[in-house]
Each structure stands twice: as C-alpha cells, then as structure tokens.
C-alpha cells in the first residue's frame, strides 16, 4: 500500500530520516513515507512500535523506548530526537585509564 496525502512530496532531509523511513515502511507495509508523516496516521499500532524499537536498536545501536515513538510520532521530529540521542551517546563515552 502507498500512503498519500494532499501535500506535495518532499525528499527526506537526512540519512537518519532515510534509514528510519525504510524501517517504518517495511514494518507498516506502506511506501512513500515523508518527513511530515505521523506514525499513527500511517496506522501504526503498539505491536508495530515494538518491532520498530527493536529494529532501531539493531540498526543504530541505541536504546529507544516505545514511549519515544509515542512522544515523537512525526518522522522528522522522531529522527531529530534519535540524532540527539546518538550524539549524547557519542559524548558520554567514558575514557578508562
């Protein structure tokens, strides 16, 4: 199935958006996901959120909670949140002497 709304299509803004969009498309079974699309408007449900969180953990090596998807349901906002988490994880690496 292809998801369409009335707004013109826009290219995804970042590598993170491309990667997360691919995961959403595969798990939700839709194509054509855009930056402004909302997980729940794409018919995302709780069980699918669990699958997405597990895939994101494997793909990005970061811990994401189901509530993070609920708190940031728009693809672009979620990806900004994810990028922030990734940069925090990079900055929190401890030096062991």
PDB file of N, CA and C in Angstrom:
ATOM      1  N   UNK A   1       0.843  -1.186   0.000  1.00  0.00           N
ATOM      2  CA  UNK A   1       0.000   0.000   0.000  1.00  0.00           C
ATOM      3  C   UNK A   1       0.878   1.235   0.000  1.00  0.00           C
ATOM      4  N   UNK A   2       0.397   2.260  -0.631  1.00  0.00           N
ATOM      5  CA  UNK A   2       1.142   3.518  -0.644  1.00  0.00           C
ATOM      6  C   UNK A   2       0.339   4.557   0.095  1.00  0.00           C
ATOM      7  N   UNK A   3       1.012   5.246   1.002  1.00  0.00           N
ATOM      8  CA  UNK A   3       0.367   6.301   1.766  1.00  0.00           C
ATOM      9  C   UNK A   3       0.483   7.599   0.984  1.00  0.00           C
ATOM     10  N   UNK A   4      -0.606   8.314   0.846  1.00  0.00           N
ATOM     11  CA  UNK A   4      -0.579   9.601   0.141  1.00  0.00           C
ATOM     12  C   UNK A   4      -1.419  10.606   0.909  1.00  0.00           C
ATOM     13  N   UNK A   5      -0.889  11.815   0.983  1.00  0.00           N
ATOM     14  CA  UNK A   5      -1.728  12.902   1.459  1.00  0.00           C
ATOM     15  C   UNK A   5      -1.737  13.974   0.383  1.00  0.00           C
ATOM     16  N   UNK A   6      -2.371  15.076   0.647  1.00  0.00           N
ATOM     17  CA  UNK A   6      -2.565  16.088  -0.390  1.00  0.00           C
ATOM     18  C   UNK A   6      -1.347  16.980  -0.613  1.00  0.00           C
ATOM     19  N   UNK A   7      -0.418  17.028   0.332  1.00  0.00           N
ATOM     20  CA  UNK A   7       0.755  17.894   0.198  1.00  0.00           C
ATOM     21  C   UNK A   7       1.747  17.280  -0.791  1.00  0.00           C
ATOM     22  N   UNK A   8       2.499  18.128  -1.510  1.00  0.00           N
ATOM     23  CA  UNK A   8       3.481  17.592  -2.455  1.00  0.00           C
ATOM     24  C   UNK A   8       4.598  16.842  -1.735  1.00  0.00           C
ATOM     25  N   UNK A   9       5.121  15.828  -2.386  1.00  0.00           N
ATOM     26  CA  UNK A   9       6.184  15.014  -1.794  1.00  0.00           C
ATOM     27  C   UNK A   9       7.457  15.835  -1.662  1.00  0.00           C
ATOM     28  N   UNK A  10       8.186  15.580  -0.583  1.00  0.00           N
ATOM     29  CA  UNK A  10       9.466  16.231  -0.347  1.00  0.00           C
ATOM     30  C   UNK A  10      10.502  15.155  -0.071  1.00  0.00           C
ATOM     31  N   UNK A  11      11.732  15.438  -0.474  1.00  0.00           N
ATOM     32  CA  UNK A  11      12.813  14.494  -0.199  1.00  0.00           C
ATOM     33  C   UNK A  11      13.060  14.445   1.304  1.00  0.00           C
ATOM     34  N   UNK A  12      13.459  13.287   1.785  1.00  0.00           N
ATOM     35  CA  UNK A  12      13.802  13.160   3.194  1.00  0.00           C
ATOM     36  C   UNK A  12      15.052  13.990   3.465  1.00  0.00           C
ATOM     37  N   UNK A  13      15.104  14.583   4.648  1.00  0.00           N
ATOM     38  CA  UNK A  13      16.106  15.609   4.939  1.00  0.00           C
ATOM     39  C   UNK A  13      17.467  15.071   5.370  1.00  0.00           C
ATOM     40  N   UNK A  14      17.535  13.830   5.836  1.00  0.00           N
ATOM     41  CA  UNK A  14      18.800  13.347   6.390  1.00  0.00           C
ATOM     42  C   UNK A  14      18.952  11.847   6.172  1.00  0.00           C
ATOM     43  N   UNK A  15      20.153  11.380   6.413  1.00  0.00           N
ATOM     44  CA  UNK A  15      20.424   9.940   6.356  1.00  0.00           C
ATOM     45  C   UNK A  15      19.579   9.213   7.403  1.00  0.00           C
ATOM     46  N   UNK A  16      19.438   9.813   8.576  1.00  0.00           N
ATOM     47  CA  UNK A  16      18.615   9.206   9.627  1.00  0.00           C
ATOM     48  C   UNK A  16      17.177   9.058   9.151  1.00  0.00           C
ATOM     49  N   UNK A  17      16.619  10.092   8.531  1.00  0.00           N
ATOM     50  CA  UNK A  17      15.245  10.002   8.023  1.00  0.00           C
ATOM     51  C   UNK A  17      15.118   8.907   6.977  1.00  0.00           C
ATOM     52  N   UNK A  18      16.099   8.785   6.105  1.00  0.00           N
ATOM     53  CA  UNK A  18      16.063   7.719   5.100  1.00  0.00           C
ATOM     54  C   UNK A  18      16.062   6.344   5.754  1.00  0.00           C
ATOM     55  N   UNK A  19      16.914   6.149   6.739  1.00  0.00           N
ATOM     56  CA  UNK A  19      17.021   4.843   7.392  1.00  0.00           C
ATOM     57  C   UNK A  19      15.775   4.515   8.214  1.00  0.00           C
ATOM     58  N   UNK A  20      15.295   5.491   8.989  1.00  0.00           N
ATOM     59  CA  UNK A  20      14.102   5.261   9.814  1.00  0.00           C
ATOM     60  C   UNK A  20      12.874   5.082   8.922  1.00  0.00           C
ATOM     61  N   UNK A  21      12.772   5.867   7.872  1.00  0.00           N
ATOM     62  CA  UNK A  21      11.654   5.729   6.935  1.00  0.00           C
ATOM     63  C   UNK A  21      11.614   4.329   6.335  1.00  0.00           C
ATOM     64  N   UNK A  22      12.765   3.796   5.980  1.00  0.00           N
ATOM     65  CA  UNK A  22      12.817   2.440   5.415  1.00  0.00           C
ATOM     66  C   UNK A  22      12.300   1.414   6.417  1.00  0.00           C
ATOM     67  N   UNK A  23      12.649   1.582   7.687  1.00  0.00           N
ATOM     68  CA  UNK A  23      12.170   0.668   8.735  1.00  0.00           C
ATOM     69  C   UNK A  23      10.658   0.809   8.895  1.00  0.00           C
ATOM     70  N   UNK A  24      10.172   2.039   8.977  1.00  0.00           N
ATOM     71  CA  UNK A  24       8.727   2.263   9.097  1.00  0.00           C
ATOM     72  C   UNK A  24       7.999   1.658   7.909  1.00  0.00           C
ATOM     73  N   UNK A  25       8.505   1.883   6.713  1.00  0.00           N
ATOM     74  CA  UNK A  25       7.838   1.369   5.516  1.00  0.00           C
ATOM     75  C   UNK A  25       7.754  -0.153   5.543  1.00  0.00           C
ATOM     76  N   UNK A  26       8.844  -0.793   5.922  1.00  0.00           N
ATOM     77  CA  UNK A  26       8.852  -2.253   5.947  1.00  0.00           C
ATOM     78  C   UNK A  26       7.885  -2.794   6.997  1.00  0.00           C
ATOM     79  N   UNK A  27       7.913  -2.240   8.187  1.00  0.00           N
ATOM     80  CA  UNK A  27       7.085  -2.771   9.273  1.00  0.00           C
ATOM     81  C   UNK A  27       5.613  -2.385   9.104  1.00  0.00           C
ATOM     82  N   UNK A  28       5.352  -1.171   8.626  1.00  0.00           N
ATOM     83  CA  UNK A  28       3.966  -0.730   8.444  1.00  0.00           C
ATOM     84  C   UNK A  28       3.368  -1.201   7.123  1.00  0.00           C
ATOM     85  N   UNK A  29       4.222  -1.638   6.197  1.00  0.00           N
ATOM     86  CA  UNK A  29       3.732  -2.123   4.914  1.00  0.00           C
ATOM     87  C   UNK A  29       3.216  -1.026   3.998  1.00  0.00           C
ATOM     88  N   UNK A  30       3.799   0.170   4.121  1.00  0.00           N
ATOM     89  CA  UNK A  30       3.429   1.289   3.252  1.00  0.00           C
ATOM     90  C   UNK A  30       4.680   1.837   2.583  1.00  0.00           C
ATOM     91  N   UNK A  31       4.487   2.550   1.492  1.00  0.00           N
ATOM     92  CA  UNK A  31       5.622   3.195   0.834  1.00  0.00           C
ATOM     93  C   UNK A  31       5.339   4.683   0.710  1.00  0.00           C
ATOM     94  N   UNK A  32       6.357   5.428   0.364  1.00  0.00           N
ATOM     95  CA  UNK A  32       6.174   6.856   0.153  1.00  0.00           C
ATOM     96  C   UNK A  32       6.097   7.678   1.420  1.00  0.00           C
ATOM     97  N   UNK A  33       6.676   7.198   2.515  1.00  0.00           N
ATOM     98  CA  UNK A  33       6.645   7.942   3.772  1.00  0.00           C
ATOM     99  C   UNK A  33       7.523   9.185   3.646  1.00  0.00           C
ATOM    100  N   UNK A  34       6.992  10.313   4.116  1.00  0.00           N
ATOM    101  CA  UNK A  34       7.670  11.605   4.050  1.00  0.00           C
ATOM    102  C   UNK A  34       8.004  12.110   5.457  1.00  0.00           C
ATOM    103  N   UNK A  35       8.848  13.127   5.517  1.00  0.00           N
ATOM    104  CA  UNK A  35       9.300  13.703   6.792  1.00  0.00           C
ATOM    105  C   UNK A  35       8.152  14.109   7.706  1.00  0.00           C
ATOM    106  N   UNK A  36       7.107  14.649   7.143  1.00  0.00           N
ATOM    107  CA  UNK A  36       5.994  15.177   7.945  1.00  0.00           C
ATOM    108  C   UNK A  36       4.987  14.097   8.353  1.00  0.00           C
ATOM    109  N   UNK A  37       5.159  12.872   7.875  1.00  0.00           N
ATOM    110  CA  UNK A  37       4.184  11.821   8.164  1.00  0.00           C
ATOM    111  C   UNK A  37       4.226  11.408   9.630  1.00  0.00           C
ATOM    112  N   UNK A  38       3.052  11.072  10.133  1.00  0.00           N
ATOM    113  CA  UNK A  38       2.852  10.708  11.525  1.00  0.00           C
ATOM    114  C   UNK A  38       2.663   9.197  11.618  1.00  0.00           C
ATOM    115  N   UNK A  39       3.390   8.576  12.533  1.00  0.00           N
ATOM    116  CA  UNK A  39       3.346   7.129  12.715  1.00  0.00           C
ATOM    117  C   UNK A  39       1.915   6.619  12.874  1.00  0.00           C
ATOM    118  N   UNK A  40       1.119   7.309  13.668  1.00  0.00           N
ATOM    119  CA  UNK A  40      -0.237   6.839  13.950  1.00  0.00           C
ATOM    120  C   UNK A  40      -1.187   7.090  12.786  1.00  0.00           C
ATOM    121  N   UNK A  41      -0.954   8.153  12.027  1.00  0.00           N
ATOM    122  CA  UNK A  41      -1.764   8.397  10.836  1.00  0.00           C
ATOM    123  C   UNK A  41      -1.446   7.389   9.731  1.00  0.00           C
ATOM    124  N   UNK A  42      -0.292   6.738   9.844  1.00  0.00           N
ATOM    125  CA  UNK A  42       0.076   5.664   8.916  1.00  0.00           C
ATOM    126  C   UNK A  42      -0.451   4.319   9.416  1.00  0.00           C
ATOM    127  N   UNK A  43      -1.332   4.368  10.417  1.00  0.00           N
ATOM    128  CA  UNK A  43      -1.961   3.185  11.027  1.00  0.00           C
ATOM    129  C   UNK A  43      -0.987   2.383  11.879  1.00  0.00           C
ATOM    130  N   UNK A  44       0.024   3.054  12.420  1.00  0.00           N
ATOM    131  CA  UNK A  44       0.947   2.391  13.337  1.00  0.00           C
ATOM    132  C   UNK A  44       0.242   2.017  14.627  1.00  0.00           C
ATOM    133  N   UNK A  45       0.554   0.821  15.132  1.00  0.00           N
ATOM    134  CA  UNK A  45      -0.062   0.311  16.349  1.00  0.00           C
ATOM    135  C   UNK A  45       1.025  -0.120  17.329  1.00  0.00           C
ATOM    136  N   UNK A  46       0.620  -0.422  18.545  1.00  0.00           N
ATOM    137  CA  UNK A  46       1.564  -0.733  19.614  1.00  0.00           C
ATOM    138  C   UNK A  46       2.517  -1.869  19.268  1.00  0.00           C
ATOM    139  N   UNK A  47       2.008  -2.959  18.726  1.00  0.00           N
ATOM    140  CA  UNK A  47       2.864  -4.095  18.399  1.00  0.00           C
ATOM    141  C   UNK A  47       3.903  -3.707  17.349  1.00  0.00           C
ATOM    142  N   UNK A  48       3.487  -2.921  16.377  1.00  0.00           N
ATOM    143  CA  UNK A  48       4.434  -2.464  15.354  1.00  0.00           C
ATOM    144  C   UNK A  48       5.485  -1.542  15.964  1.00  0.00           C
ATOM    145  N   UNK A  49       5.090  -0.768  16.960  1.00  0.00           N
ATOM    146  CA  UNK A  49       6.042   0.109  17.638  1.00  0.00           C
ATOM    147  C   UNK A  49       7.145  -0.713  18.287  1.00  0.00           C
ATOM    148  N   UNK A  50       6.794  -1.835  18.884  1.00  0.00           N
ATOM    149  CA  UNK A  50       7.791  -2.716  19.499  1.00  0.00           C
ATOM    150  C   UNK A  50       8.763  -3.228  18.445  1.00  0.00           C
ATOM    151  N   UNK A  51       8.255  -3.635  17.300  1.00  0.00           N
ATOM    152  CA  UNK A  51       9.127  -4.094  16.210  1.00  0.00           C
ATOM    153  C   UNK A  51      10.053  -2.970  15.743  1.00  0.00           C
ATOM    154  N   UNK A  52       9.516  -1.777  15.619  1.00  0.00           N
ATOM    155  CA  UNK A  52      10.317  -0.634  15.176  1.00  0.00           C
ATOM    156  C   UNK A  52      11.415  -0.327  16.186  1.00  0.00           C
ATOM    157  N   UNK A  53      11.077  -0.310  17.464  1.00  0.00           N
ATOM    158  CA  UNK A  53      12.068  -0.027  18.505  1.00  0.00           C
ATOM    159  C   UNK A  53      13.193  -1.065  18.469  1.00  0.00           C
ATOM    160  N   UNK A  54      12.838  -2.325  18.295  1.00  0.00           N
ATOM    161  CA  UNK A  54      13.860  -3.376  18.217  1.00  0.00           C
ATOM    162  C   UNK A  54      14.745  -3.206  16.988  1.00  0.00           C
ATOM    163  N   UNK A  55      14.151  -2.872  15.850  1.00  0.00           N
ATOM    164  CA  UNK A  55      14.939  -2.644  14.623  1.00  0.00           C
ATOM    165  C   UNK A  55      15.846  -1.434  14.765  1.00  0.00           C
ATOM    166  N   UNK A  56      15.335  -0.369  15.371  1.00  0.00           N
ATOM    167  CA  UNK A  56      16.155   0.825  15.578  1.00  0.00           C
ATOM    168  C   UNK A  56      17.341   0.526  16.483  1.00  0.00           C
ATOM    169  N   UNK A  57      17.112  -0.275  17.520  1.00  0.00           N
ATOM    170  CA  UNK A  57      18.204  -0.646  18.420  1.00  0.00           C
ATOM    171  C   UNK A  57      19.293  -1.392  17.663  1.00  0.00           C
ATOM    172  N   UNK A  58      18.890  -2.299  16.784  1.00  0.00           N
ATOM    173  CA  UNK A  58      19.864  -3.060  15.997  1.00  0.00           C
ATOM    174  C   UNK A  58      20.545  -2.181  14.952  1.00  0.00           C
ATOM    175  N   UNK A  59      19.784  -1.334  14.301  1.00  0.00           N
ATOM    176  CA  UNK A  59      20.297  -0.501  13.205  1.00  0.00           C
ATOM    177  C   UNK A  59      21.213   0.619  13.692  1.00  0.00           C
ATOM    178  N   UNK A  60      20.843   1.247  14.805  1.00  0.00           N
ATOM    179  CA  UNK A  60      21.561   2.434  15.277  1.00  0.00           C
ATOM    180  C   UNK A  60      22.378   2.189  16.544  1.00  0.00           C
ATOM    181  N   UNK A  61      22.284   1.003  17.125  1.00  0.00           N
ATOM    182  CA  UNK A  61      22.998   0.685  18.372  1.00  0.00           C
ATOM    183  C   UNK A  61      22.687   1.709  19.470  1.00  0.00           C
ATOM    184  N   UNK A  62      21.404   1.972  19.639  1.00  0.00           N
ATOM    185  CA  UNK A  62      20.961   2.918  20.658  1.00  0.00           C
ATOM    186  C   UNK A  62      19.684   2.374  21.295  1.00  0.00           C
ATOM    187  N   UNK A  63      19.499   2.683  22.579  1.00  0.00           N
ATOM    188  CA  UNK A  63      18.279   2.248  23.267  1.00  0.00           C
ATOM    189  C   UNK A  63      17.171   3.271  23.044  1.00  0.00           C
ATOM    190  N   UNK A  64      16.102   2.813  22.446  1.00  0.00           N
ATOM    191  CA  UNK A  64      14.915   3.636  22.219  1.00  0.00           C
ATOM    192  C   UNK A  64      13.751   2.928  22.894  1.00  0.00           C
ATOM    193  N   UNK A  65      12.891   3.701  23.546  1.00  0.00           N
ATOM    194  CA  UNK A  65      11.720   3.135  24.206  1.00  0.00           C
ATOM    195  C   UNK A  65      10.489   3.300  23.312  1.00  0.00           C
ATOM    196  N   UNK A  66       9.514   2.447  23.537  1.00  0.00           N
ATOM    197  CA  UNK A  66       8.244   2.564  22.816  1.00  0.00           C
ATOM    198  C   UNK A  66       7.657   3.956  23.041  1.00  0.00           C
ATOM    199  N   UNK A  67       7.767   4.457  24.252  1.00  0.00           N
ATOM    200  CA  UNK A  67       7.215   5.785  24.556  1.00  0.00           C
ATOM    201  C   UNK A  67       7.890   6.886  23.743  1.00  0.00           C
ATOM    202  N   UNK A  68       9.139   6.673  23.300  1.00  0.00           N
ATOM    203  CA  UNK A  68       9.815   7.672  22.467  1.00  0.00           C
ATOM    204  C   UNK A  68       9.102   7.833  21.124  1.00  0.00           C
ATOM    205  N   UNK A  69       8.613   6.736  20.571  1.00  0.00           N
ATOM    206  CA  UNK A  69       7.859   6.807  19.315  1.00  0.00           C
ATOM    207  C   UNK A  69       6.526   7.516  19.566  1.00  0.00           C
ATOM    208  N   UNK A  70       5.884   7.209  20.690  1.00  0.00           N
ATOM    209  CA  UNK A  70       4.620   7.856  21.030  1.00  0.00           C
ATOM    210  C   UNK A  70       4.816   9.353  21.266  1.00  0.00           C
ATOM    211  N   UNK A  71       5.941   9.725  21.866  1.00  0.00           N
ATOM    212  CA  UNK A  71       6.218  11.134  22.158  1.00  0.00           C
ATOM    213  C   UNK A  71       6.640  11.931  20.923  1.00  0.00           C
ATOM    214  N   UNK A  72       7.169  11.243  19.911  1.00  0.00           N
ATOM    215  CA  UNK A  72       7.671  11.896  18.688  1.00  0.00           C
ATOM    216  C   UNK A  72       7.136  11.149  17.468  1.00  0.00           C
ATOM    217  N   UNK A  73       5.816  11.193  17.217  1.00  0.00           N
ATOM    218  CA  UNK A  73       5.241  10.356  16.160  1.00  0.00           C
ATOM    219  C   UNK A  73       5.524  10.827  14.730  1.00  0.00           C
ATOM    220  N   UNK A  74       5.873  12.102  14.546  1.00  0.00           N
ATOM    221  CA  UNK A  74       6.181  12.578  13.192  1.00  0.00           C
ATOM    222  C   UNK A  74       7.610  12.174  12.849  1.00  0.00           C
ATOM    223  N   UNK A  75       7.805  11.650  11.650  1.00  0.00           N
ATOM    224  CA  UNK A  75       9.111  11.123  11.249  1.00  0.00           C
ATOM    225  C   UNK A  75      10.230  12.131  11.477  1.00  0.00           C
ATOM    226  N   UNK A  76      10.065  13.357  11.037  1.00  0.00           N
ATOM    227  CA  UNK A  76      11.150  14.340  11.173  1.00  0.00           C
ATOM    228  C   UNK A  76      11.466  14.626  12.635  1.00  0.00           C
ATOM    229  N   UNK A  77      10.449  14.741  13.488  1.00  0.00           N
ATOM    230  CA  UNK A  77      10.683  15.001  14.912  1.00  0.00           C
ATOM    231  C   UNK A  77      11.338  13.801  15.581  1.00  0.00           C
ATOM    232  N   UNK A  78      10.874  12.610  15.231  1.00  0.00           N
ATOM    233  CA  UNK A  78      11.476  11.413  15.809  1.00  0.00           C
ATOM    234  C   UNK A  78      12.947  11.306  15.415  1.00  0.00           C
ATOM    235  N   UNK A  79      13.261  11.605  14.163  1.00  0.00           N
ATOM    236  CA  UNK A  79      14.646  11.496  13.696  1.00  0.00           C
ATOM    237  C   UNK A  79      15.540  12.532  14.362  1.00  0.00           C
ATOM    238  N   UNK A  80      15.012  13.728  14.611  1.00  0.00           N
ATOM    239  CA  UNK A  80      15.791  14.726  15.361  1.00  0.00           C
ATOM    240  C   UNK A  80      16.061  14.225  16.772  1.00  0.00           C
ATOM    241  N   UNK A  81      15.045  13.649  17.396  1.00  0.00           N
ATOM    242  CA  UNK A  81      15.216  13.071  18.728  1.00  0.00           C
ATOM    243  C   UNK A  81      16.270  11.964  18.692  1.00  0.00           C
ATOM    244  N   UNK A  82      16.186  11.090  17.695  1.00  0.00           N
ATOM    245  CA  UNK A  82      17.139   9.992  17.564  1.00  0.00           C
ATOM    246  C   UNK A  82      18.553  10.522  17.352  1.00  0.00           C
ATOM    247  N   UNK A  83      18.715  11.515  16.489  1.00  0.00           N
ATOM    248  CA  UNK A  83      20.036  12.117  16.274  1.00  0.00           C
ATOM    249  C   UNK A  83      20.587  12.716  17.565  1.00  0.00           C
ATOM    250  N   UNK A  84      19.719  13.363  18.349  1.00  0.00           N
ATOM    251  CA  UNK A  84      20.151  13.906  19.644  1.00  0.00           C
ATOM    252  C   UNK A  84      20.620  12.794  20.571  1.00  0.00           C
ATOM    253  N   UNK A  85      19.869  11.700  20.614  1.00  0.00           N
ATOM    254  CA  UNK A  85      20.260  10.547  21.443  1.00  0.00           C
ATOM    255  C   UNK A  85      21.596   9.976  20.993  1.00  0.00           C
ATOM    256  N   UNK A  86      21.779   9.859  19.688  1.00  0.00           N
ATOM    257  CA  UNK A  86      23.033   9.317  19.160  1.00  0.00           C
ATOM    258  C   UNK A  86      24.208  10.218  19.515  1.00  0.00           C
ATOM    259  N   UNK A  87      24.031  11.525  19.431  1.00  0.00           N
ATOM    260  CA  UNK A  87      25.136  12.427  19.772  1.00  0.00           C
ATOM    261  C   UNK A  87      25.398  12.417  21.275  1.00  0.00           C
ATOM    262  N   UNK A  88      24.370  12.249  22.096  1.00  0.00           N
ATOM    263  CA  UNK A  88      24.566  12.123  23.548  1.00  0.00           C
ATOM    264  C   UNK A  88      25.364  10.870  23.864  1.00  0.00           C
ATOM    265  N   UNK A  89      25.021   9.764  23.187  1.00  0.00           N
ATOM    266  CA  UNK A  89      25.742   8.514  23.419  1.00  0.00           C
ATOM    267  C   UNK A  89      27.203   8.648  23.020  1.00  0.00           C
ATOM    268  N   UNK A  90      27.484   9.346  21.922  1.00  0.00           N
ATOM    269  CA  UNK A  90      28.865   9.556  21.493  1.00  0.00           C
ATOM    270  C   UNK A  90      29.618  10.408  22.501  1.00  0.00           C
ATOM    271  N   UNK A  91      28.948  11.408  23.065  1.00  0.00           N
ATOM    272  CA  UNK A  91      29.596  12.309  24.013  1.00  0.00           C
ATOM    273  C   UNK A  91      29.748  11.698  25.395  1.00  0.00           C
ATOM    274  N   UNK A  92      29.026  10.642  25.686  1.00  0.00           N
ATOM    275  CA  UNK A  92      29.080  10.051  27.020  1.00  0.00           C
ATOM    276  C   UNK A  92      30.035   8.867  27.108  1.00  0.00           C
ATOM    277  N   UNK A  93      30.829   8.654  26.085  1.00  0.00           N
ATOM    278  CA  UNK A  93      31.799   7.564  26.124  1.00  0.00           C
ATOM    279  C   UNK A  93      32.836   7.885  27.190  1.00  0.00           C
ATOM    280  N   UNK A  94      33.031   6.953  28.089  1.00  0.00           N
ATOM    281  CA  UNK A  94      33.978   7.172  29.174  1.00  0.00           C
ATOM    282  C   UNK A  94      35.370   6.737  28.760  1.00  0.00           C
ATOM    283  N   UNK A  95      36.336   7.528  29.177  1.00  0.00           N
ATOM    284  CA  UNK A  95      37.731   7.159  28.975  1.00  0.00           C
ATOM    285  C   UNK A  95      38.172   6.359  30.194  1.00  0.00           C
ATOM    286  N   UNK A  96      38.680   5.179  29.959  1.00  0.00           N
ATOM    287  CA  UNK A  96      39.131   4.321  31.051  1.00  0.00           C
ATOM    288  C   UNK A  96      40.648   4.280  31.013  1.00  0.00           C
ATOM    289  N   UNK A  97      41.268   4.661  32.115  1.00  0.00           N
ATOM    290  CA  UNK A  97      42.738   4.693  32.181  1.00  0.00           C
ATOM    291  C   UNK A  97      43.250   3.589  33.037  1.00  0.00           C
TER     292      UNK A  97
END
